[in-house]
């Protein structure tokens, strides 16, 4: 109900989600790419935008197989990059972003992504068309361990249903509310747990409230 809030603390919700939802590598493009280093991780996050993880992982693996994620080879593909990443959709925007990221790595070195001043890196990456705050937040959280809470459609929906923000709250409002709720030390893992929770229970349509592990504490639960 409007004005009400989930009756558990963020720490309690975190522990319940850890016991009841599963974060699998094959369900998260970023985790799939994590062993490949910062360039691979950033490319994977771009590919996952507005795409299912199944399709974005397929596109990522095709690009990795073709180029070994060498930024020079990626740039040498030209328009052929679009065909390789086609399973992920939005191929024009994503190919432009991936090329720009590859140029940045060639100019600054891949180590730049791991060592650059955080504000400088954020400005540099967000200046690339097709790389927004969410993409950068996910990268900084996973690779640099920065205490930020990236906001996707699941996080925005769940935060509103838990009464942490108003419906229609901005990215910044949701990010701040979720970070305060879970605490900075849990932010990265909590983000992935909330996505898994949103997929399993707190769906946009026909939420599975009767099966939800938080049903007795959520103000939006349909009983």
C-alpha atoms as a PDB file:
ATOM      1  CA  UNK A   1       0.000   0.000   0.000  1.00  0.00           C
ATOM      2  CA  UNK A   2       1.161   3.556  -0.739  1.00  0.00           C
ATOM      3  CA  UNK A   3       3.085   5.123   2.098  1.00  0.00           C
ATOM      4  CA  UNK A   4       3.999   1.803   3.645  1.00  0.00           C
ATOM      5  CA  UNK A   5       7.401   0.152   3.611  1.00  0.00           C
ATOM      6  CA  UNK A   6       8.751  -3.364   3.811  1.00  0.00           C
ATOM      7  CA  UNK A   7       8.904  -4.370   7.462  1.00  0.00           C
ATOM      8  CA  UNK A   8      12.377  -5.931   7.367  1.00  0.00           C
ATOM      9  CA  UNK A   9      15.772  -4.273   7.360  1.00  0.00           C
ATOM     10  CA  UNK A  10      17.993  -4.415   4.302  1.00  0.00           C
ATOM     11  CA  UNK A  11      20.310  -6.854   6.091  1.00  0.00           C
ATOM     12  CA  UNK A  12      17.384  -9.178   6.815  1.00  0.00           C
ATOM     13  CA  UNK A  13      16.090  -8.992   3.248  1.00  0.00           C
ATOM     14  CA  UNK A  14      19.606  -9.657   1.957  1.00  0.00           C
ATOM     15  CA  UNK A  15      19.915 -12.858   3.985  1.00  0.00           C
ATOM     16  CA  UNK A  16      16.475 -14.069   2.896  1.00  0.00           C
ATOM     17  CA  UNK A  17      17.276 -13.442  -0.763  1.00  0.00           C
ATOM     18  CA  UNK A  18      20.596 -15.275  -0.429  1.00  0.00           C
ATOM     19  CA  UNK A  19      18.708 -18.330   0.837  1.00  0.00           C
ATOM     20  CA  UNK A  20      15.821 -18.246  -1.624  1.00  0.00           C
ATOM     21  CA  UNK A  21      17.042 -17.001  -5.008  1.00  0.00           C
ATOM     22  CA  UNK A  22      19.914 -18.230  -7.133  1.00  0.00           C
ATOM     23  CA  UNK A  23      22.410 -16.024  -8.929  1.00  0.00           C
ATOM     24  CA  UNK A  24      23.816 -18.177 -11.713  1.00  0.00           C
ATOM     25  CA  UNK A  25      26.683 -17.115 -13.941  1.00  0.00           C
ATOM     26  CA  UNK A  26      24.785 -18.178 -17.057  1.00  0.00           C
ATOM     27  CA  UNK A  27      21.944 -15.801 -16.161  1.00  0.00           C
ATOM     28  CA  UNK A  28      24.152 -12.722 -15.946  1.00  0.00           C
ATOM     29  CA  UNK A  29      26.164 -11.603 -18.961  1.00  0.00           C
ATOM     30  CA  UNK A  30      28.555  -9.570 -16.801  1.00  0.00           C
ATOM     31  CA  UNK A  31      29.424 -12.552 -14.591  1.00  0.00           C
ATOM     32  CA  UNK A  32      29.900 -14.694 -17.698  1.00  0.00           C
ATOM     33  CA  UNK A  33      32.491 -12.201 -18.982  1.00  0.00           C
ATOM     34  CA  UNK A  34      34.182 -11.372 -15.692  1.00  0.00           C
ATOM     35  CA  UNK A  35      37.117 -13.815 -16.158  1.00  0.00           C
ATOM     36  CA  UNK A  36      38.014 -12.036 -19.418  1.00  0.00           C
ATOM     37  CA  UNK A  37      39.128  -8.812 -17.754  1.00  0.00           C
ATOM     38  CA  UNK A  38      37.843  -5.233 -17.743  1.00  0.00           C
ATOM     39  CA  UNK A  39      37.451  -4.767 -21.498  1.00  0.00           C
ATOM     40  CA  UNK A  40      35.463  -7.972 -21.851  1.00  0.00           C
ATOM     41  CA  UNK A  41      33.344  -7.070 -18.838  1.00  0.00           C
ATOM     42  CA  UNK A  42      32.528  -3.614 -20.162  1.00  0.00           C
ATOM     43  CA  UNK A  43      31.671  -4.962 -23.609  1.00  0.00           C
ATOM     44  CA  UNK A  44      29.440  -7.605 -22.041  1.00  0.00           C
ATOM     45  CA  UNK A  45      27.542  -4.993 -20.042  1.00  0.00           C
ATOM     46  CA  UNK A  46      26.958  -2.966 -23.210  1.00  0.00           C
ATOM     47  CA  UNK A  47      25.694  -6.065 -25.017  1.00  0.00           C
ATOM     48  CA  UNK A  48      23.288  -6.851 -22.179  1.00  0.00           C
ATOM     49  CA  UNK A  49      21.417  -3.561 -22.553  1.00  0.00           C
ATOM     50  CA  UNK A  50      17.751  -4.241 -23.401  1.00  0.00           C
ATOM     51  CA  UNK A  51      18.583  -7.838 -24.245  1.00  0.00           C
ATOM     52  CA  UNK A  52      18.053 -11.185 -22.604  1.00  0.00           C
ATOM     53  CA  UNK A  53      21.161 -12.648 -21.011  1.00  0.00           C
ATOM     54  CA  UNK A  54      20.872 -15.655 -23.279  1.00  0.00           C
ATOM     55  CA  UNK A  55      21.106 -13.489 -26.385  1.00  0.00           C
ATOM     56  CA  UNK A  56      23.747 -11.117 -25.057  1.00  0.00           C
ATOM     57  CA  UNK A  57      25.953 -14.010 -23.918  1.00  0.00           C
ATOM     58  CA  UNK A  58      25.608 -15.542 -27.377  1.00  0.00           C
ATOM     59  CA  UNK A  59      26.701 -12.257 -28.963  1.00  0.00           C
ATOM     60  CA  UNK A  60      29.571 -11.902 -26.506  1.00  0.00           C
ATOM     61  CA  UNK A  61      30.859 -15.409 -27.160  1.00  0.00           C
ATOM     62  CA  UNK A  62      30.723 -14.818 -30.924  1.00  0.00           C
ATOM     63  CA  UNK A  63      32.761 -11.647 -30.533  1.00  0.00           C
ATOM     64  CA  UNK A  64      35.248 -13.337 -28.233  1.00  0.00           C
ATOM     65  CA  UNK A  65      35.669 -16.269 -30.621  1.00  0.00           C
ATOM     66  CA  UNK A  66      36.204 -13.934 -33.577  1.00  0.00           C
ATOM     67  CA  UNK A  67      38.532 -11.369 -32.015  1.00  0.00           C
ATOM     68  CA  UNK A  68      39.829 -12.809 -28.720  1.00  0.00           C
ATOM     69  CA  UNK A  69      38.579  -9.424 -27.414  1.00  0.00           C
ATOM     70  CA  UNK A  70      41.637  -7.727 -28.894  1.00  0.00           C
ATOM     71  CA  UNK A  71      40.616  -4.072 -29.328  1.00  0.00           C
ATOM     72  CA  UNK A  72      42.570  -3.765 -32.604  1.00  0.00           C
ATOM     73  CA  UNK A  73      40.812  -6.760 -34.094  1.00  0.00           C
ATOM     74  CA  UNK A  74      37.466  -5.428 -32.917  1.00  0.00           C
ATOM     75  CA  UNK A  75      38.101  -2.141 -34.713  1.00  0.00           C
ATOM     76  CA  UNK A  76      39.307  -3.951 -37.829  1.00  0.00           C
ATOM     77  CA  UNK A  77      35.908  -5.632 -38.131  1.00  0.00           C
ATOM     78  CA  UNK A  78      34.267  -2.406 -39.257  1.00  0.00           C
ATOM     79  CA  UNK A  79      30.597  -2.955 -40.025  1.00  0.00           C
ATOM     80  CA  UNK A  80      31.187  -6.677 -39.615  1.00  0.00           C
ATOM     81  CA  UNK A  81      30.937  -6.087 -35.876  1.00  0.00           C
ATOM     82  CA  UNK A  82      27.195  -5.555 -36.258  1.00  0.00           C
ATOM     83  CA  UNK A  83      26.681  -9.007 -37.720  1.00  0.00           C
ATOM     84  CA  UNK A  84      28.682 -10.655 -34.961  1.00  0.00           C
ATOM     85  CA  UNK A  85      26.737  -9.018 -32.123  1.00  0.00           C
ATOM     86  CA  UNK A  86      23.357  -9.224 -33.873  1.00  0.00           C
ATOM     87  CA  UNK A  87      21.847 -11.681 -31.319  1.00  0.00           C
ATOM     88  CA  UNK A  88      22.050  -8.923 -28.673  1.00  0.00           C
ATOM     89  CA  UNK A  89      19.956  -6.478 -30.685  1.00  0.00           C
ATOM     90  CA  UNK A  90      20.377  -2.687 -31.018  1.00  0.00           C
ATOM     91  CA  UNK A  91      23.406  -3.474 -33.147  1.00  0.00           C
ATOM     92  CA  UNK A  92      24.076   0.049 -34.423  1.00  0.00           C
ATOM     93  CA  UNK A  93      24.215   1.670 -30.993  1.00  0.00           C
ATOM     94  CA  UNK A  94      26.067  -1.207 -29.357  1.00  0.00           C
ATOM     95  CA  UNK A  95      28.642  -1.552 -32.127  1.00  0.00           C
ATOM     96  CA  UNK A  96      29.404   2.187 -31.916  1.00  0.00           C
ATOM     97  CA  UNK A  97      29.838   1.946 -28.153  1.00  0.00           C
ATOM     98  CA  UNK A  98      32.062  -1.145 -28.374  1.00  0.00           C
ATOM     99  CA  UNK A  99      34.268   0.533 -30.975  1.00  0.00           C
ATOM    100  CA  UNK A 100      34.585   3.648 -28.819  1.00  0.00           C
ATOM    101  CA  UNK A 101      35.518   1.558 -25.777  1.00  0.00           C
ATOM    102  CA  UNK A 102      38.068  -0.336 -27.867  1.00  0.00           C
ATOM    103  CA  UNK A 103      39.614   2.946 -29.041  1.00  0.00           C
ATOM    104  CA  UNK A 104      39.794   4.169 -25.447  1.00  0.00           C
ATOM    105  CA  UNK A 105      41.617   1.015 -24.369  1.00  0.00           C
ATOM    106  CA  UNK A 106      44.071   1.303 -27.254  1.00  0.00           C
ATOM    107  CA  UNK A 107      44.790   4.936 -26.388  1.00  0.00           C
ATOM    108  CA  UNK A 108      45.044   4.569 -22.619  1.00  0.00           C
ATOM    109  CA  UNK A 109      45.829   0.884 -22.142  1.00  0.00           C
ATOM    110  CA  UNK A 110      43.474  -1.696 -20.634  1.00  0.00           C
ATOM    111  CA  UNK A 111      44.950  -1.003 -17.220  1.00  0.00           C
ATOM    112  CA  UNK A 112      43.311   2.422 -17.362  1.00  0.00           C
ATOM    113  CA  UNK A 113      39.921   0.838 -16.681  1.00  0.00           C
ATOM    114  CA  UNK A 114      41.236  -0.566 -13.436  1.00  0.00           C
ATOM    115  CA  UNK A 115      43.407   2.276 -12.188  1.00  0.00           C
ATOM    116  CA  UNK A 116      41.912   5.561 -13.432  1.00  0.00           C
ATOM    117  CA  UNK A 117      40.434   8.048 -11.005  1.00  0.00           C
ATOM    118  CA  UNK A 118      36.804   7.005 -10.560  1.00  0.00           C
ATOM    119  CA  UNK A 119      35.260  10.354 -11.448  1.00  0.00           C
ATOM    120  CA  UNK A 120      37.524  10.714 -14.468  1.00  0.00           C
ATOM    121  CA  UNK A 121      36.685   7.198 -15.617  1.00  0.00           C
ATOM    122  CA  UNK A 122      32.969   7.782 -15.139  1.00  0.00           C
ATOM    123  CA  UNK A 123      33.102  10.989 -17.205  1.00  0.00           C
ATOM    124  CA  UNK A 124      35.149   9.281 -19.911  1.00  0.00           C
ATOM    125  CA  UNK A 125      32.835   6.290 -20.206  1.00  0.00           C
ATOM    126  CA  UNK A 126      29.583   8.237 -19.961  1.00  0.00           C
ATOM    127  CA  UNK A 127      30.757  10.495 -22.777  1.00  0.00           C
ATOM    128  CA  UNK A 128      30.514   7.468 -25.080  1.00  0.00           C
ATOM    129  CA  UNK A 129      27.187   7.238 -26.861  1.00  0.00           C
ATOM    130  CA  UNK A 130      25.393   4.110 -25.696  1.00  0.00           C
ATOM    131  CA  UNK A 131      27.194   3.983 -22.346  1.00  0.00           C
ATOM    132  CA  UNK A 132      24.998   5.416 -19.615  1.00  0.00           C
ATOM    133  CA  UNK A 133      25.070   5.592 -15.861  1.00  0.00           C
ATOM    134  CA  UNK A 134      23.712   2.083 -15.354  1.00  0.00           C
ATOM    135  CA  UNK A 135      26.394   0.533 -17.561  1.00  0.00           C
ATOM    136  CA  UNK A 136      29.124   2.403 -15.706  1.00  0.00           C
ATOM    137  CA  UNK A 137      27.623   1.606 -12.293  1.00  0.00           C
ATOM    138  CA  UNK A 138      27.540  -2.116 -13.068  1.00  0.00           C
ATOM    139  CA  UNK A 139      31.152  -2.009 -14.261  1.00  0.00           C
ATOM    140  CA  UNK A 140      32.400  -0.017 -11.267  1.00  0.00           C
ATOM    141  CA  UNK A 141      30.534  -2.258  -8.845  1.00  0.00           C
ATOM    142  CA  UNK A 142      31.779  -5.543 -10.270  1.00  0.00           C
ATOM    143  CA  UNK A 143      35.299  -4.662 -11.399  1.00  0.00           C
ATOM    144  CA  UNK A 144      36.327  -1.826  -9.112  1.00  0.00           C
ATOM    145  CA  UNK A 145      34.267  -2.786  -6.064  1.00  0.00           C
ATOM    146  CA  UNK A 146      32.719   0.681  -5.855  1.00  0.00           C
ATOM    147  CA  UNK A 147      29.708   0.828  -3.490  1.00  0.00           C
ATOM    148  CA  UNK A 148      27.059   1.851  -6.018  1.00  0.00           C
ATOM    149  CA  UNK A 149      23.675   0.278  -6.705  1.00  0.00           C
ATOM    150  CA  UNK A 150      22.973  -0.042 -10.415  1.00  0.00           C
ATOM    151  CA  UNK A 151      19.305   0.351 -11.331  1.00  0.00           C
ATOM    152  CA  UNK A 152      17.578  -1.762 -13.961  1.00  0.00           C
ATOM    153  CA  UNK A 153      13.870  -2.401 -14.489  1.00  0.00           C
ATOM    154  CA  UNK A 154      13.835  -5.074 -11.765  1.00  0.00           C
ATOM    155  CA  UNK A 155      15.455  -2.832  -9.143  1.00  0.00           C
ATOM    156  CA  UNK A 156      13.138   0.049  -9.997  1.00  0.00           C
ATOM    157  CA  UNK A 157      10.035  -2.142  -9.747  1.00  0.00           C
ATOM    158  CA  UNK A 158      11.096  -3.907  -6.557  1.00  0.00           C
ATOM    159  CA  UNK A 159      12.140  -0.695  -4.795  1.00  0.00           C
ATOM    160  CA  UNK A 160       8.724   0.825  -5.489  1.00  0.00           C
ATOM    161  CA  UNK A 161       6.829  -2.274  -4.386  1.00  0.00           C
ATOM    162  CA  UNK A 162       8.828  -2.435  -1.172  1.00  0.00           C
ATOM    163  CA  UNK A 163       7.912   1.182  -0.496  1.00  0.00           C
ATOM    164  CA  UNK A 164      11.495   2.442  -0.616  1.00  0.00           C
ATOM    165  CA  UNK A 165      10.715   4.967  -3.368  1.00  0.00           C
ATOM    166  CA  UNK A 166       7.649   6.432  -5.011  1.00  0.00           C
ATOM    167  CA  UNK A 167       6.441   4.914  -8.250  1.00  0.00           C
ATOM    168  CA  UNK A 168       8.192   6.617 -11.137  1.00  0.00           C
ATOM    169  CA  UNK A 169      11.226   7.618  -9.060  1.00  0.00           C
ATOM    170  CA  UNK A 170      14.360   8.627 -10.957  1.00  0.00           C
ATOM    171  CA  UNK A 171      17.438   6.459 -11.423  1.00  0.00           C
ATOM    172  CA  UNK A 172      19.278   8.515  -8.814  1.00  0.00           C
ATOM    173  CA  UNK A 173      16.462   8.200  -6.273  1.00  0.00           C
ATOM    174  CA  UNK A 174      16.205   4.432  -6.671  1.00  0.00           C
ATOM    175  CA  UNK A 175      19.974   3.944  -6.604  1.00  0.00           C
ATOM    176  CA  UNK A 176      20.349   6.005  -3.442  1.00  0.00           C
ATOM    177  CA  UNK A 177      17.403   4.315  -1.699  1.00  0.00           C
ATOM    178  CA  UNK A 178      18.603   0.803  -2.478  1.00  0.00           C
ATOM    179  CA  UNK A 179      22.171   1.636  -1.447  1.00  0.00           C
ATOM    180  CA  UNK A 180      20.950   3.021   1.883  1.00  0.00           C
ATOM    181  CA  UNK A 181      18.608   0.058   2.396  1.00  0.00           C
ATOM    182  CA  UNK A 182      21.149  -2.702   1.775  1.00  0.00           C
ATOM    183  CA  UNK A 183      24.277  -0.831   2.815  1.00  0.00           C
ATOM    184  CA  UNK A 184      27.358  -0.172   0.663  1.00  0.00           C
ATOM    185  CA  UNK A 185      29.052  -3.389   1.753  1.00  0.00           C
ATOM    186  CA  UNK A 186      26.226  -5.459   0.210  1.00  0.00           C
ATOM    187  CA  UNK A 187      25.410  -3.300  -2.808  1.00  0.00           C
ATOM    188  CA  UNK A 188      26.995  -5.345  -5.592  1.00  0.00           C
ATOM    189  CA  UNK A 189      25.682  -8.721  -4.499  1.00  0.00           C
ATOM    190  CA  UNK A 190      22.320  -7.230  -3.498  1.00  0.00           C
ATOM    191  CA  UNK A 191      21.918  -5.817  -7.005  1.00  0.00           C
ATOM    192  CA  UNK A 192      22.245  -9.280  -8.547  1.00  0.00           C
ATOM    193  CA  UNK A 193      19.993 -10.824  -5.901  1.00  0.00           C
ATOM    194  CA  UNK A 194      17.291  -8.236  -6.598  1.00  0.00           C
ATOM    195  CA  UNK A 195      17.452  -9.033 -10.317  1.00  0.00           C
ATOM    196  CA  UNK A 196      17.121 -12.757  -9.608  1.00  0.00           C
ATOM    197  CA  UNK A 197      14.288 -12.012  -7.174  1.00  0.00           C
ATOM    198  CA  UNK A 198      12.509  -9.859  -9.736  1.00  0.00           C
ATOM    199  CA  UNK A 199      12.745 -12.610 -12.319  1.00  0.00           C
ATOM    200  CA  UNK A 200      11.632 -15.388  -9.991  1.00  0.00           C
ATOM    201  CA  UNK A 201       8.934 -13.692  -7.915  1.00  0.00           C
ATOM    202  CA  UNK A 202       8.434  -9.945  -8.259  1.00  0.00           C
ATOM    203  CA  UNK A 203       7.568  -9.974 -11.938  1.00  0.00           C
ATOM    204  CA  UNK A 204       6.186  -6.959 -13.764  1.00  0.00           C
ATOM    205  CA  UNK A 205       3.083  -8.927 -14.703  1.00  0.00           C
ATOM    206  CA  UNK A 206       1.489 -11.575 -12.550  1.00  0.00           C
ATOM    207  CA  UNK A 207       3.917 -11.345  -9.602  1.00  0.00           C
ATOM    208  CA  UNK A 208       4.166 -14.604  -7.674  1.00  0.00           C
ATOM    209  CA  UNK A 209       3.255 -13.059  -4.332  1.00  0.00           C
ATOM    210  CA  UNK A 210       1.798 -16.255  -2.891  1.00  0.00           C
ATOM    211  CA  UNK A 211       5.196 -17.956  -3.286  1.00  0.00           C
ATOM    212  CA  UNK A 212       7.369 -14.958  -2.437  1.00  0.00           C
ATOM    213  CA  UNK A 213       9.695 -15.378   0.565  1.00  0.00           C
ATOM    214  CA  UNK A 214       8.945 -11.751   1.518  1.00  0.00           C
ATOM    215  CA  UNK A 215       5.153 -11.946   1.184  1.00  0.00           C
ATOM    216  CA  UNK A 216       4.507 -11.409   4.914  1.00  0.00           C
ATOM    217  CA  UNK A 217       6.651  -8.291   4.980  1.00  0.00           C
ATOM    218  CA  UNK A 218       5.972  -6.578   1.640  1.00  0.00           C
ATOM    219  CA  UNK A 219       3.355  -3.791   1.547  1.00  0.00           C
ATOM    220  CA  UNK A 220       2.521  -4.597  -2.070  1.00  0.00           C
ATOM    221  CA  UNK A 221       1.958  -8.333  -1.672  1.00  0.00           C
ATOM    222  CA  UNK A 222      -1.256  -9.567  -3.240  1.00  0.00           C
ATOM    223  CA  UNK A 223      -2.849 -11.877  -0.731  1.00  0.00           C
END
